[in-house]
Amino acid sequence: FDLFEQSGQIISINCSGERLYILN
């Protein structure tokens, strides 16, 4: 997660009731 925060924007989404995340 720390590497992802350094590289871009993290967007939280709902996928059929499960919390997933998009790294932009």
mmCIF file of all heavy atoms, coordinates in Angstrom:
data_MODEL
# 
_entry.id   MODEL 
# 
loop_
_atom_site.group_PDB 
_atom_site.id 
_atom_site.type_symbol 
_atom_site.label_atom_id 
_atom_site.label_alt_id 
_atom_site.label_comp_id 
_atom_site.label_asym_id 
_atom_site.label_entity_id 
_atom_site.label_seq_id 
_atom_site.pdbx_PDB_ins_code 
_atom_site.Cartn_x 
_atom_site.Cartn_y 
_atom_site.Cartn_z 
_atom_site.occupancy 
_atom_site.B_iso_or_equiv 
_atom_site.pdbx_formal_charge 
_atom_site.auth_seq_id 
_atom_site.auth_comp_id 
_atom_site.auth_asym_id 
_atom_site.auth_atom_id 
_atom_site.pdbx_PDB_model_num 
ATOM 1   N N   . PHE A 1 1  ? 0.827   -1.213 0.000   1.00 0.00 ? 1  PHE A N   1 
ATOM 2   C CA  . PHE A 1 1  ? 0.000   0.000  0.000   1.00 0.00 ? 1  PHE A CA  1 
ATOM 3   C C   . PHE A 1 1  ? 0.862   1.265  0.000   1.00 0.00 ? 1  PHE A C   1 
ATOM 4   O O   . PHE A 1 1  ? 0.519   2.255  -0.663  1.00 0.00 ? 1  PHE A O   1 
ATOM 5   C CB  . PHE A 1 1  ? -0.937  0.005  1.208   1.00 0.00 ? 1  PHE A CB  1 
ATOM 6   C CG  . PHE A 1 1  ? -1.819  1.212  1.282   1.00 0.00 ? 1  PHE A CG  1 
ATOM 7   C CD1 . PHE A 1 1  ? -2.964  1.305  0.508   1.00 0.00 ? 1  PHE A CD1 1 
ATOM 8   C CD2 . PHE A 1 1  ? -1.513  2.273  2.126   1.00 0.00 ? 1  PHE A CD2 1 
ATOM 9   C CE1 . PHE A 1 1  ? -3.780  2.426  0.565   1.00 0.00 ? 1  PHE A CE1 1 
ATOM 10  C CE2 . PHE A 1 1  ? -2.318  3.397  2.192   1.00 0.00 ? 1  PHE A CE2 1 
ATOM 11  C CZ  . PHE A 1 1  ? -3.460  3.473  1.416   1.00 0.00 ? 1  PHE A CZ  1 
ATOM 12  N N   . ASP A 1 2  ? 1.972   1.251  0.739   1.00 0.00 ? 2  ASP A N   1 
ATOM 13  C CA  . ASP A 1 2  ? 2.847   2.430  0.788   1.00 0.00 ? 2  ASP A CA  1 
ATOM 14  C C   . ASP A 1 2  ? 3.419   2.746  -0.593  1.00 0.00 ? 2  ASP A C   1 
ATOM 15  O O   . ASP A 1 2  ? 3.555   3.916  -0.967  1.00 0.00 ? 2  ASP A O   1 
ATOM 16  C CB  . ASP A 1 2  ? 3.986   2.203  1.782   1.00 0.00 ? 2  ASP A CB  1 
ATOM 17  C CG  . ASP A 1 2  ? 3.486   2.093  3.225   1.00 0.00 ? 2  ASP A CG  1 
ATOM 18  O OD1 . ASP A 1 2  ? 2.426   2.673  3.528   1.00 0.00 ? 2  ASP A OD1 1 
ATOM 19  O OD2 . ASP A 1 2  ? 4.146   1.417  4.040   1.00 0.00 ? 2  ASP A OD2 1 
ATOM 20  N N   . LEU A 1 3  ? 3.765   1.707  -1.355  1.00 0.00 ? 3  LEU A N   1 
ATOM 21  C CA  . LEU A 1 3  ? 4.270   1.919  -2.714  1.00 0.00 ? 3  LEU A CA  1 
ATOM 22  C C   . LEU A 1 3  ? 3.181   2.497  -3.603  1.00 0.00 ? 3  LEU A C   1 
ATOM 23  O O   . LEU A 1 3  ? 3.443   3.362  -4.443  1.00 0.00 ? 3  LEU A O   1 
ATOM 24  C CB  . LEU A 1 3  ? 4.778   0.597  -3.303  1.00 0.00 ? 3  LEU A CB  1 
ATOM 25  C CG  . LEU A 1 3  ? 5.890   -0.133 -2.553  1.00 0.00 ? 3  LEU A CG  1 
ATOM 26  C CD1 . LEU A 1 3  ? 6.326   -1.357 -3.352  1.00 0.00 ? 3  LEU A CD1 1 
ATOM 27  C CD2 . LEU A 1 3  ? 7.071   0.785  -2.296  1.00 0.00 ? 3  LEU A CD2 1 
ATOM 28  N N   . PHE A 1 4  ? 1.961   2.005  -3.428  1.00 0.00 ? 4  PHE A N   1 
ATOM 29  C CA  . PHE A 1 4  ? 0.841   2.489  -4.233  1.00 0.00 ? 4  PHE A CA  1 
ATOM 30  C C   . PHE A 1 4  ? 0.557   3.967  -3.943  1.00 0.00 ? 4  PHE A C   1 
ATOM 31  O O   . PHE A 1 4  ? 0.289   4.737  -4.861  1.00 0.00 ? 4  PHE A O   1 
ATOM 32  C CB  . PHE A 1 4  ? -0.406  1.652  -3.964  1.00 0.00 ? 4  PHE A CB  1 
ATOM 33  C CG  . PHE A 1 4  ? -0.387  0.295  -4.627  1.00 0.00 ? 4  PHE A CG  1 
ATOM 34  C CD1 . PHE A 1 4  ? -1.411  -0.603 -4.430  1.00 0.00 ? 4  PHE A CD1 1 
ATOM 35  C CD2 . PHE A 1 4  ? 0.659   -0.091 -5.444  1.00 0.00 ? 4  PHE A CD2 1 
ATOM 36  C CE1 . PHE A 1 4  ? -1.415  -1.847 -5.049  1.00 0.00 ? 4  PHE A CE1 1 
ATOM 37  C CE2 . PHE A 1 4  ? 0.684   -1.333 -6.068  1.00 0.00 ? 4  PHE A CE2 1 
ATOM 38  C CZ  . PHE A 1 4  ? -0.365  -2.206 -5.857  1.00 0.00 ? 4  PHE A CZ  1 
ATOM 39  N N   . GLU A 1 5  ? 0.607   4.333  -2.660  1.00 0.00 ? 5  GLU A N   1 
ATOM 40  C CA  . GLU A 1 5  ? 0.376   5.742  -2.299  1.00 0.00 ? 5  GLU A CA  1 
ATOM 41  C C   . GLU A 1 5  ? 1.417   6.653  -2.944  1.00 0.00 ? 5  GLU A C   1 
ATOM 42  O O   . GLU A 1 5  ? 1.111   7.782  -3.352  1.00 0.00 ? 5  GLU A O   1 
ATOM 43  C CB  . GLU A 1 5  ? 0.431   5.906  -0.784  1.00 0.00 ? 5  GLU A CB  1 
ATOM 44  C CG  . GLU A 1 5  ? -0.882  5.677  -0.084  1.00 0.00 ? 5  GLU A CG  1 
ATOM 45  C CD  . GLU A 1 5  ? -0.900  6.240  1.317   1.00 0.00 ? 5  GLU A CD  1 
ATOM 46  O OE1 . GLU A 1 5  ? 0.113   6.078  2.032   1.00 0.00 ? 5  GLU A OE1 1 
ATOM 47  O OE2 . GLU A 1 5  ? -1.913  6.839  1.706   1.00 0.00 ? 5  GLU A OE2 1 
ATOM 48  N N   . GLN A 1 6  ? 2.634   6.151  -3.055  1.00 0.00 ? 6  GLN A N   1 
ATOM 49  C CA  . GLN A 1 6  ? 3.719   6.939  -3.646  1.00 0.00 ? 6  GLN A CA  1 
ATOM 50  C C   . GLN A 1 6  ? 3.536   7.113  -5.148  1.00 0.00 ? 6  GLN A C   1 
ATOM 51  O O   . GLN A 1 6  ? 3.967   8.121  -5.721  1.00 0.00 ? 6  GLN A O   1 
ATOM 52  C CB  . GLN A 1 6  ? 5.063   6.256  -3.356  1.00 0.00 ? 6  GLN A CB  1 
ATOM 53  C CG  . GLN A 1 6  ? 6.283   7.047  -3.797  1.00 0.00 ? 6  GLN A CG  1 
ATOM 54  C CD  . GLN A 1 6  ? 7.572   6.307  -3.504  1.00 0.00 ? 6  GLN A CD  1 
ATOM 55  O OE1 . GLN A 1 6  ? 7.654   5.090  -3.661  1.00 0.00 ? 6  GLN A OE1 1 
ATOM 56  N NE2 . GLN A 1 6  ? 8.593   7.032  -3.073  1.00 0.00 ? 6  GLN A NE2 1 
ATOM 57  N N   . SER A 1 7  ? 2.874   6.150  -5.782  1.00 0.00 ? 7  SER A N   1 
ATOM 58  C CA  . SER A 1 7  ? 2.809   6.157  -7.242  1.00 0.00 ? 7  SER A CA  1 
ATOM 59  C C   . SER A 1 7  ? 1.542   6.796  -7.816  1.00 0.00 ? 7  SER A C   1 
ATOM 60  O O   . SER A 1 7  ? 1.490   7.069  -9.011  1.00 0.00 ? 7  SER A O   1 
ATOM 61  C CB  . SER A 1 7  ? 2.916   4.729  -7.787  1.00 0.00 ? 7  SER A CB  1 
ATOM 62  O OG  . SER A 1 7  ? 1.795   3.962  -7.396  1.00 0.00 ? 7  SER A OG  1 
ATOM 63  N N   . GLY A 1 8  ? 0.532   7.016  -6.985  1.00 0.00 ? 8  GLY A N   1 
ATOM 64  C CA  . GLY A 1 8  ? -0.678  7.591  -7.570  1.00 0.00 ? 8  GLY A CA  1 
ATOM 65  C C   . GLY A 1 8  ? -1.844  7.743  -6.621  1.00 0.00 ? 8  GLY A C   1 
ATOM 66  O O   . GLY A 1 8  ? -1.683  7.828  -5.401  1.00 0.00 ? 8  GLY A O   1 
ATOM 67  N N   . GLN A 1 9  ? -3.035  7.743  -7.196  1.00 0.00 ? 9  GLN A N   1 
ATOM 68  C CA  . GLN A 1 9  ? -4.290  7.965  -6.473  1.00 0.00 ? 9  GLN A CA  1 
ATOM 69  C C   . GLN A 1 9  ? -4.993  6.627  -6.236  1.00 0.00 ? 9  GLN A C   1 
ATOM 70  O O   . GLN A 1 9  ? -5.113  5.815  -7.146  1.00 0.00 ? 9  GLN A O   1 
ATOM 71  C CB  . GLN A 1 9  ? -5.189  8.887  -7.305  1.00 0.00 ? 9  GLN A CB  1 
ATOM 72  C CG  . GLN A 1 9  ? -6.585  9.116  -6.762  1.00 0.00 ? 9  GLN A CG  1 
ATOM 73  C CD  . GLN A 1 9  ? -7.466  9.847  -7.760  1.00 0.00 ? 9  GLN A CD  1 
ATOM 74  O OE1 . GLN A 1 9  ? -7.153  9.910  -8.964  1.00 0.00 ? 9  GLN A OE1 1 
ATOM 75  N NE2 . GLN A 1 9  ? -8.559  10.406 -7.290  1.00 0.00 ? 9  GLN A NE2 1 
ATOM 76  N N   . ILE A 1 10 ? -5.458  6.407  -5.019  1.00 0.00 ? 10 ILE A N   1 
ATOM 77  C CA  . ILE A 1 10 ? -6.158  5.176  -4.677  1.00 0.00 ? 10 ILE A CA  1 
ATOM 78  C C   . ILE A 1 10 ? -7.643  5.470  -4.519  1.00 0.00 ? 10 ILE A C   1 
ATOM 79  O O   . ILE A 1 10 ? -8.037  6.342  -3.736  1.00 0.00 ? 10 ILE A O   1 
ATOM 80  C CB  . ILE A 1 10 ? -5.577  4.545  -3.400  1.00 0.00 ? 10 ILE A CB  1 
ATOM 81  C CG1 . ILE A 1 10 ? -4.120  4.148  -3.646  1.00 0.00 ? 10 ILE A CG1 1 
ATOM 82  C CG2 . ILE A 1 10 ? -6.409  3.326  -2.976  1.00 0.00 ? 10 ILE A CG2 1 
ATOM 83  C CD1 . ILE A 1 10 ? -3.405  3.637  -2.423  1.00 0.00 ? 10 ILE A CD1 1 
ATOM 84  N N   . ILE A 1 11 ? -8.458  4.748  -5.280  1.00 0.00 ? 11 ILE A N   1 
ATOM 85  C CA  . ILE A 1 11 ? -9.901  4.965  -5.315  1.00 0.00 ? 11 ILE A CA  1 
ATOM 86  C C   . ILE A 1 11 ? -10.607 3.729  -4.773  1.00 0.00 ? 11 ILE A C   1 
ATOM 87  O O   . ILE A 1 11 ? -10.374 2.614  -5.252  1.00 0.00 ? 11 ILE A O   1 
ATOM 88  C CB  . ILE A 1 11 ? -10.381 5.248  -6.749  1.00 0.00 ? 11 ILE A CB  1 
ATOM 89  C CG1 . ILE A 1 11 ? -9.657  6.470  -7.322  1.00 0.00 ? 11 ILE A CG1 1 
ATOM 90  C CG2 . ILE A 1 11 ? -11.895 5.453  -6.789  1.00 0.00 ? 11 ILE A CG2 1 
ATOM 91  C CD1 . ILE A 1 11 ? -9.890  6.670  -8.805  1.00 0.00 ? 11 ILE A CD1 1 
ATOM 92  N N   . SER A 1 12 ? -11.457 3.915  -3.793  1.00 0.00 ? 12 SER A N   1 
ATOM 93  C CA  . SER A 1 12 ? -12.214 2.804  -3.209  1.00 0.00 ? 12 SER A CA  1 
ATOM 94  C C   . SER A 1 12 ? -13.485 2.573  -4.024  1.00 0.00 ? 12 SER A C   1 
ATOM 95  O O   . SER A 1 12 ? -14.187 3.520  -4.374  1.00 0.00 ? 12 SER A O   1 
ATOM 96  C CB  . SER A 1 12 ? -12.574 3.132  -1.759  1.00 0.00 ? 12 SER A CB  1 
ATOM 97  O OG  . SER A 1 12 ? -13.400 2.123  -1.206  1.00 0.00 ? 12 SER A OG  1 
ATOM 98  N N   . ILE A 1 13 ? -13.777 1.295  -4.339  1.00 0.00 ? 13 ILE A N   1 
ATOM 99  C CA  . ILE A 1 13 ? -14.980 0.968  -5.109  1.00 0.00 ? 13 ILE A CA  1 
ATOM 100 C C   . ILE A 1 13 ? -15.693 -0.222 -4.470  1.00 0.00 ? 13 ILE A C   1 
ATOM 101 O O   . ILE A 1 13 ? -15.107 -0.981 -3.696  1.00 0.00 ? 13 ILE A O   1 
ATOM 102 C CB  . ILE A 1 13 ? -14.644 0.620  -6.579  1.00 0.00 ? 13 ILE A CB  1 
ATOM 103 C CG1 . ILE A 1 13 ? -13.731 -0.623 -6.646  1.00 0.00 ? 13 ILE A CG1 1 
ATOM 104 C CG2 . ILE A 1 13 ? -14.010 1.815  -7.287  1.00 0.00 ? 13 ILE A CG2 1 
ATOM 105 C CD1 . ILE A 1 13 ? -13.518 -1.143 -8.057  1.00 0.00 ? 13 ILE A CD1 1 
ATOM 106 N N   . ASN A 1 14 ? -16.955 -0.381 -4.812  1.00 0.00 ? 14 ASN A N   1 
ATOM 107 C CA  . ASN A 1 14 ? -17.739 -1.533 -4.387  1.00 0.00 ? 14 ASN A CA  1 
ATOM 108 C C   . ASN A 1 14 ? -17.933 -2.471 -5.574  1.00 0.00 ? 14 ASN A C   1 
ATOM 109 O O   . ASN A 1 14 ? -18.388 -2.059 -6.631  1.00 0.00 ? 14 ASN A O   1 
ATOM 110 C CB  . ASN A 1 14 ? -19.104 -1.086 -3.855  1.00 0.00 ? 14 ASN A CB  1 
ATOM 111 C CG  . ASN A 1 14 ? -19.989 -2.274 -3.496  1.00 0.00 ? 14 ASN A CG  1 
ATOM 112 O OD1 . ASN A 1 14 ? -19.650 -3.073 -2.641  1.00 0.00 ? 14 ASN A OD1 1 
ATOM 113 N ND2 . ASN A 1 14 ? -21.115 -2.392 -4.181  1.00 0.00 ? 14 ASN A ND2 1 
ATOM 114 N N   . CYS A 1 15 ? -17.561 -3.735 -5.379  1.00 0.00 ? 15 CYS A N   1 
ATOM 115 C CA  . CYS A 1 15 ? -17.722 -4.728 -6.448  1.00 0.00 ? 15 CYS A CA  1 
ATOM 116 C C   . CYS A 1 15 ? -18.552 -5.884 -5.904  1.00 0.00 ? 15 CYS A C   1 
ATOM 117 O O   . CYS A 1 15 ? -18.035 -6.749 -5.171  1.00 0.00 ? 15 CYS A O   1 
ATOM 118 C CB  . CYS A 1 15 ? -16.363 -5.213 -6.932  1.00 0.00 ? 15 CYS A CB  1 
ATOM 119 S SG  . CYS A 1 15 ? -16.458 -6.416 -8.279  1.00 0.00 ? 15 CYS A SG  1 
ATOM 120 N N   . SER A 1 16 ? -19.823 -5.881 -6.221  1.00 0.00 ? 16 SER A N   1 
ATOM 121 C CA  . SER A 1 16 ? -20.749 -6.944 -5.786  1.00 0.00 ? 16 SER A CA  1 
ATOM 122 C C   . SER A 1 16 ? -20.676 -7.167 -4.281  1.00 0.00 ? 16 SER A C   1 
ATOM 123 O O   . SER A 1 16 ? -20.647 -8.302 -3.792  1.00 0.00 ? 16 SER A O   1 
ATOM 124 C CB  . SER A 1 16 ? -20.454 -8.246 -6.537  1.00 0.00 ? 16 SER A CB  1 
ATOM 125 O OG  . SER A 1 16 ? -20.556 -8.062 -7.927  1.00 0.00 ? 16 SER A OG  1 
ATOM 126 N N   . GLY A 1 17 ? -20.598 -6.077 -3.525  1.00 0.00 ? 17 GLY A N   1 
ATOM 127 C CA  . GLY A 1 17 ? -20.576 -6.154 -2.070  1.00 0.00 ? 17 GLY A CA  1 
ATOM 128 C C   . GLY A 1 17 ? -19.201 -6.249 -1.452  1.00 0.00 ? 17 GLY A C   1 
ATOM 129 O O   . GLY A 1 17 ? -19.063 -6.194 -0.228  1.00 0.00 ? 17 GLY A O   1 
ATOM 130 N N   . GLU A 1 18 ? -18.169 -6.393 -2.269  1.00 0.00 ? 18 GLU A N   1 
ATOM 131 C CA  . GLU A 1 18 ? -16.799 -6.471 -1.756  1.00 0.00 ? 18 GLU A CA  1 
ATOM 132 C C   . GLU A 1 18 ? -16.071 -5.165 -1.993  1.00 0.00 ? 18 GLU A C   1 
ATOM 133 O O   . GLU A 1 18 ? -16.197 -4.550 -3.058  1.00 0.00 ? 18 GLU A O   1 
ATOM 134 C CB  . GLU A 1 18 ? -16.032 -7.606 -2.436  1.00 0.00 ? 18 GLU A CB  1 
ATOM 135 C CG  . GLU A 1 18 ? -14.599 -7.749 -1.942  1.00 0.00 ? 18 GLU A CG  1 
ATOM 136 C CD  . GLU A 1 18 ? -13.830 -8.862 -2.639  1.00 0.00 ? 18 GLU A CD  1 
ATOM 137 O OE1 . GLU A 1 18 ? -14.411 -9.502 -3.542  1.00 0.00 ? 18 GLU A OE1 1 
ATOM 138 O OE2 . GLU A 1 18 ? -12.652 -9.088 -2.292  1.00 0.00 ? 18 GLU A OE2 1 
ATOM 139 N N   . ARG A 1 19 ? -15.309 -4.720 -0.987  1.00 0.00 ? 19 ARG A N   1 
ATOM 140 C CA  . ARG A 1 19 ? -14.528 -3.495 -1.125  1.00 0.00 ? 19 ARG A CA  1 
ATOM 141 C C   . ARG A 1 19 ? -13.241 -3.786 -1.891  1.00 0.00 ? 19 ARG A C   1 
ATOM 142 O O   . ARG A 1 19 ? -12.421 -4.604 -1.492  1.00 0.00 ? 19 ARG A O   1 
ATOM 143 C CB  . ARG A 1 19 ? -14.182 -2.948 0.258   1.00 0.00 ? 19 ARG A CB  1 
ATOM 144 C CG  . ARG A 1 19 ? -13.377 -1.646 0.255   1.00 0.00 ? 19 ARG A CG  1 
ATOM 145 C CD  . ARG A 1 19 ? -14.136 -0.530 -0.417  1.00 0.00 ? 19 ARG A CD  1 
ATOM 146 N NE  . ARG A 1 19 ? -15.455 -0.315 0.195   1.00 0.00 ? 19 ARG A NE  1 
ATOM 147 C CZ  . ARG A 1 19 ? -16.421 0.408  -0.357  1.00 0.00 ? 19 ARG A CZ  1 
ATOM 148 N NH1 . ARG A 1 19 ? -16.229 0.970  -1.545  1.00 0.00 ? 19 ARG A NH1 1 
ATOM 149 N NH2 . ARG A 1 19 ? -17.574 0.551  0.254   1.00 0.00 ? 19 ARG A NH2 1 
ATOM 150 N N   . LEU A 1 20 ? -13.085 -3.140 -3.035  1.00 0.00 ? 20 LEU A N   1 
ATOM 151 C CA  . LEU A 1 20 ? -11.862 -3.219 -3.821  1.00 0.00 ? 20 LEU A CA  1 
ATOM 152 C C   . LEU A 1 20 ? -11.302 -1.811 -4.000  1.00 0.00 ? 20 LEU A C   1 
ATOM 153 O O   . LEU A 1 20 ? -11.951 -0.821 -3.650  1.00 0.00 ? 20 LEU A O   1 
ATOM 154 C CB  . LEU A 1 20 ? -12.138 -3.858 -5.188  1.00 0.00 ? 20 LEU A CB  1 
ATOM 155 C CG  . LEU A 1 20 ? -12.622 -5.306 -5.205  1.00 0.00 ? 20 LEU A CG  1 
ATOM 156 C CD1 . LEU A 1 20 ? -12.864 -5.764 -6.643  1.00 0.00 ? 20 LEU A CD1 1 
ATOM 157 C CD2 . LEU A 1 20 ? -11.651 -6.241 -4.511  1.00 0.00 ? 20 LEU A CD2 1 
ATOM 158 N N   . TYR A 1 21 ? -10.112 -1.752 -4.567  1.00 0.00 ? 21 TYR A N   1 
ATOM 159 C CA  . TYR A 1 21 ? -9.436  -0.467 -4.727  1.00 0.00 ? 21 TYR A CA  1 
ATOM 160 C C   . TYR A 1 21 ? -8.794  -0.382 -6.107  1.00 0.00 ? 21 TYR A C   1 
ATOM 161 O O   . TYR A 1 21 ? -8.273  -1.369 -6.620  1.00 0.00 ? 21 TYR A O   1 
ATOM 162 C CB  . TYR A 1 21 ? -8.364  -0.284 -3.648  1.00 0.00 ? 21 TYR A CB  1 
ATOM 163 C CG  . TYR A 1 21 ? -8.894  -0.426 -2.248  1.00 0.00 ? 21 TYR A CG  1 
ATOM 164 C CD1 . TYR A 1 21 ? -8.934  -1.677 -1.630  1.00 0.00 ? 21 TYR A CD1 1 
ATOM 165 C CD2 . TYR A 1 21 ? -9.384  0.674  -1.551  1.00 0.00 ? 21 TYR A CD2 1 
ATOM 166 C CE1 . TYR A 1 21 ? -9.443  -1.824 -0.354  1.00 0.00 ? 21 TYR A CE1 1 
ATOM 167 C CE2 . TYR A 1 21 ? -9.890  0.535  -0.264  1.00 0.00 ? 21 TYR A CE2 1 
ATOM 168 C CZ  . TYR A 1 21 ? -9.920  -0.716 0.331   1.00 0.00 ? 21 TYR A CZ  1 
ATOM 169 O OH  . TYR A 1 21 ? -10.435 -0.858 1.598   1.00 0.00 ? 21 TYR A OH  1 
ATOM 170 N N   . ILE A 1 22 ? -8.829  0.818  -6.668  1.00 0.00 ? 22 ILE A N   1 
ATOM 171 C CA  . ILE A 1 22 ? -8.180  1.085  -7.954  1.00 0.00 ? 22 ILE A CA  1 
ATOM 172 C C   . ILE A 1 22 ? -6.962  1.959  -7.714  1.00 0.00 ? 22 ILE A C   1 
ATOM 173 O O   . ILE A 1 22 ? -7.051  2.989  -7.036  1.00 0.00 ? 22 ILE A O   1 
ATOM 174 C CB  . ILE A 1 22 ? -9.132  1.803  -8.927  1.00 0.00 ? 22 ILE A CB  1 
ATOM 175 C CG1 . ILE A 1 22 ? -10.348 0.946  -9.247  1.00 0.00 ? 22 ILE A CG1 1 
ATOM 176 C CG2 . ILE A 1 22 ? -8.406  2.171  -10.229 1.00 0.00 ? 22 ILE A CG2 1 
ATOM 177 C CD1 . ILE A 1 22 ? -11.393 1.656  -10.099 1.00 0.00 ? 22 ILE A CD1 1 
ATOM 178 N N   . LEU A 1 23 ? -5.823  1.533  -8.243  1.00 0.00 ? 23 LEU A N   1 
ATOM 179 C CA  . LEU A 1 23 ? -4.646  2.397  -8.236  1.00 0.00 ? 23 LEU A CA  1 
ATOM 180 C C   . LEU A 1 23 ? -4.576  3.124  -9.573  1.00 0.00 ? 23 LEU A C   1 
ATOM 181 O O   . LEU A 1 23 ? -4.326  2.515  -10.612 1.00 0.00 ? 23 LEU A O   1 
ATOM 182 C CB  . LEU A 1 23 ? -3.365  1.585  -8.023  1.00 0.00 ? 23 LEU A CB  1 
ATOM 183 C CG  . LEU A 1 23 ? -2.057  2.386  -8.207  1.00 0.00 ? 23 LEU A CG  1 
ATOM 184 C CD1 . LEU A 1 23 ? -1.976  3.541  -7.214  1.00 0.00 ? 23 LEU A CD1 1 
ATOM 185 C CD2 . LEU A 1 23 ? -0.842  1.481  -8.088  1.00 0.00 ? 23 LEU A CD2 1 
ATOM 186 N N   . ASN A 1 24 ? -4.816  4.421  -9.529  1.00 0.00 ? 24 ASN A N   1 
ATOM 187 C CA  . ASN A 1 24 ? -4.681  5.284  -10.693 1.00 0.00 ? 24 ASN A CA  1 
ATOM 188 C C   . ASN A 1 24 ? -3.252  5.817  -10.701 1.00 0.00 ? 24 ASN A C   1 
ATOM 189 O O   . ASN A 1 24 ? -2.910  6.736  -9.951  1.00 0.00 ? 24 ASN A O   1 
ATOM 190 C CB  . ASN A 1 24 ? -5.693  6.432  -10.603 1.00 0.00 ? 24 ASN A CB  1 
ATOM 191 C CG  . ASN A 1 24 ? -5.556  7.429  -11.736 1.00 0.00 ? 24 ASN A CG  1 
ATOM 192 O OD1 . ASN A 1 24 ? -5.026  7.113  -12.793 1.00 0.00 ? 24 ASN A OD1 1 
ATOM 193 N ND2 . ASN A 1 24 ? -6.029  8.645  -11.519 1.00 0.00 ? 24 ASN A ND2 1 
# 
